[in-house]
Structure formats: C-alpha cells, structure tokens
Amino acid sequence: MMEPRSHYDWDSHNRQVVVEGTQALERTGDSLARSHQIAVETETIGTEVVSELGEQREALLRTRSRLEDANSQLDNAKSVLIKMGRNVLYNKLILVIIIILEVVILATLIYLRVSR
C-alpha cells in the first residue's frame, strides 16, 4: 500500500511543477520574442522588396516608353528612306529619258546634216 505523502513532499512537488511551468513559459516567451523579431525582419525585407519592385516597374515603364518612341522614329525614318528611294528612282528614270531624248536629237541632227 502507498504511504501518504507528507505536506513537505506535496509542497516540493508543487514547487517543482511551478518551476517547470515557469521554465516552459520562459521558453515560450523567448520563442515568441524570436518569432516576433523574425516577423519584424521579414516585414522590413518585404517592404524593401516591394519598394525595389516599384522602382523597377517605373524603370521598365520608362524604358518601354523610350522603346515606343524609338519604334515610332524608326517607322518615320523608314518612310523617309522609302520616299528617298522612290525619288532616286524617279530621278534616274528622268535622267534616262533625257539621255534618250538627247541621243534622238543628236541622231536627228546628224541625219539632217548628212542628208543635206
């Protein structure tokens, strides 16, 4: 049969339970403090990342705008080059026609001189 515990044993046991409970609460408190610190650091990093992503977005939008401007300027330059090419072709055609007319006039003059 079990012997009844003395009042001292009960106090010692209760004290031990309280000490263990206090130690568990301290460990839990320390763990919560570490978790809170990690959460604060994570929030800081997240804020920095969001800020940096915002800056990168703005830079990308500016770059996109510049590319659209450059594309527009390239389209304008292409149309100018096409017009210049067309004008060169017309000028060559006019030059060929003038040369042919001069040859015809020269041939006519030679024919008229020889036929007299």
Protein backbone atom coordinates (compact mmCIF):
# COMPACT_ATOMS: atom_id res chain seq x y z
CA MET A 1 0.00 0.00 0.00
CA MET A 2 1.07 3.53 -0.63
CA GLU A 3 2.21 5.68 2.13
CA PRO A 4 0.55 9.02 2.36
CA ARG A 5 2.75 11.83 1.23
CA SER A 6 3.77 14.37 3.69
CA HIS A 7 2.95 18.04 3.41
CA TYR A 8 6.60 18.73 2.62
CA ASP A 9 6.55 16.24 -0.31
CA TRP A 10 3.42 17.93 -1.69
CA ASP A 11 4.97 21.36 -1.40
CA SER A 12 8.18 20.13 -3.01
CA HIS A 13 6.22 18.50 -5.81
CA ASN A 14 4.07 21.62 -6.37
CA ARG A 15 7.15 23.80 -6.31
CA GLN A 16 8.76 21.54 -8.91
CA VAL A 17 5.64 21.76 -11.11
CA VAL A 18 5.57 25.54 -10.76
CA VAL A 19 9.30 25.78 -11.60
CA GLU A 20 8.83 23.55 -14.65
CA GLY A 21 5.79 25.58 -15.70
CA THR A 22 7.74 28.82 -15.26
CA GLN A 23 10.63 27.46 -17.30
CA ALA A 24 8.20 26.36 -20.03
CA LEU A 25 6.61 29.85 -20.01
CA GLU A 26 10.07 31.46 -20.25
CA ARG A 27 10.99 29.20 -23.18
CA THR A 28 7.66 30.01 -24.82
CA GLY A 29 8.19 33.72 -24.20
CA ASP A 30 11.71 33.53 -25.66
CA SER A 31 10.35 31.62 -28.65
CA LEU A 32 7.64 34.23 -29.14
CA ALA A 33 10.20 37.03 -28.89
CA ARG A 34 12.38 35.31 -31.53
CA SER A 35 9.31 34.76 -33.73
CA HIS A 36 8.34 38.42 -33.33
CA GLN A 37 11.88 39.53 -34.24
CA ILE A 38 11.85 37.27 -37.32
CA ALA A 39 8.42 38.65 -38.29
CA VAL A 40 9.70 42.24 -37.96
CA GLU A 41 12.80 41.44 -40.05
CA THR A 42 10.65 39.66 -42.64
CA GLU A 43 8.29 42.64 -42.79
CA THR A 44 11.24 45.01 -43.26
CA ILE A 45 12.68 42.85 -46.04
CA GLY A 46 9.23 42.58 -47.65
CA THR A 47 8.80 46.36 -47.56
CA GLU A 48 12.22 46.85 -49.14
CA VAL A 49 11.44 44.27 -51.84
CA VAL A 50 8.08 45.92 -52.64
CA SER A 51 9.78 49.32 -52.81
CA GLU A 52 12.51 47.98 -55.09
CA LEU A 53 9.94 46.25 -57.31
CA GLY A 54 8.05 49.54 -57.58
CA GLU A 55 11.24 51.31 -58.68
CA GLN A 56 11.98 48.56 -61.20
CA ARG A 57 8.41 48.81 -62.54
CA GLU A 58 8.83 52.55 -63.05
CA ALA A 59 12.17 51.97 -64.79
CA LEU A 60 10.60 49.34 -67.04
CA LEU A 61 7.72 51.66 -67.91
CA ARG A 62 10.17 54.46 -68.77
CA THR A 63 12.18 52.01 -70.89
CA ARG A 64 9.02 50.84 -72.63
CA SER A 65 8.06 54.44 -73.40
CA ARG A 66 11.53 55.10 -74.83
CA LEU A 67 11.31 51.95 -76.96
CA GLU A 68 7.90 53.01 -78.28
CA ASP A 69 9.35 56.43 -79.15
CA ALA A 70 12.33 54.80 -80.85
CA ASN A 71 9.99 52.48 -82.77
CA SER A 72 7.94 55.47 -83.91
CA GLN A 73 11.09 57.28 -85.02
CA LEU A 74 12.26 54.17 -86.87
CA ASP A 75 8.91 54.00 -88.67
CA ASN A 76 9.27 57.66 -89.66
CA ALA A 77 12.85 57.08 -90.82
CA LYS A 78 11.72 54.04 -92.83
CA SER A 79 9.05 56.07 -94.60
CA VAL A 80 11.57 58.86 -95.33
CA LEU A 81 14.02 56.30 -96.76
CA ILE A 82 11.29 54.77 -98.92
CA LYS A 83 10.39 58.24 -100.26
CA MET A 84 14.07 59.00 -100.91
CA GLY A 85 14.47 55.67 -102.74
CA ARG A 86 11.40 56.45 -104.82
CA ASN A 87 12.78 59.93 -105.64
CA VAL A 88 16.14 58.44 -106.64
CA LEU A 89 14.33 56.00 -108.94
CA TYR A 90 12.28 58.85 -110.48
CA ASN A 91 15.44 60.93 -110.94
CA LYS A 92 17.19 58.03 -112.68
CA LEU A 93 14.16 57.49 -114.90
CA ILE A 94 14.07 61.21 -115.80
CA LEU A 95 17.82 61.13 -116.47
CA VAL A 96 17.45 58.10 -118.76
CA ILE A 97 14.60 59.84 -120.62
CA ILE A 98 16.73 63.00 -121.04
CA ILE A 99 19.66 60.93 -122.31
CA ILE A 100 17.38 59.12 -124.77
CA LEU A 101 15.95 62.47 -125.94
CA GLU A 102 19.47 63.87 -126.39
CA VAL A 103 20.50 60.79 -128.36
CA VAL A 104 17.37 61.11 -130.53
CA ILE A 105 18.03 64.85 -131.05
CA LEU A 106 21.72 64.17 -131.82
CA ALA A 107 20.80 61.37 -134.21
CA THR A 108 18.24 63.66 -135.88
CA LEU A 109 20.82 66.45 -136.22
CA ILE A 110 23.38 64.07 -137.67
CA TYR A 111 20.79 62.67 -140.07
CA LEU A 112 19.77 66.17 -141.15
CA ARG A 113 23.40 67.22 -141.72
CA VAL A 114 24.24 64.09 -143.57
CA SER A 115 21.12 64.18 -145.68
CA ARG A 116 21.82 67.79 -146.88
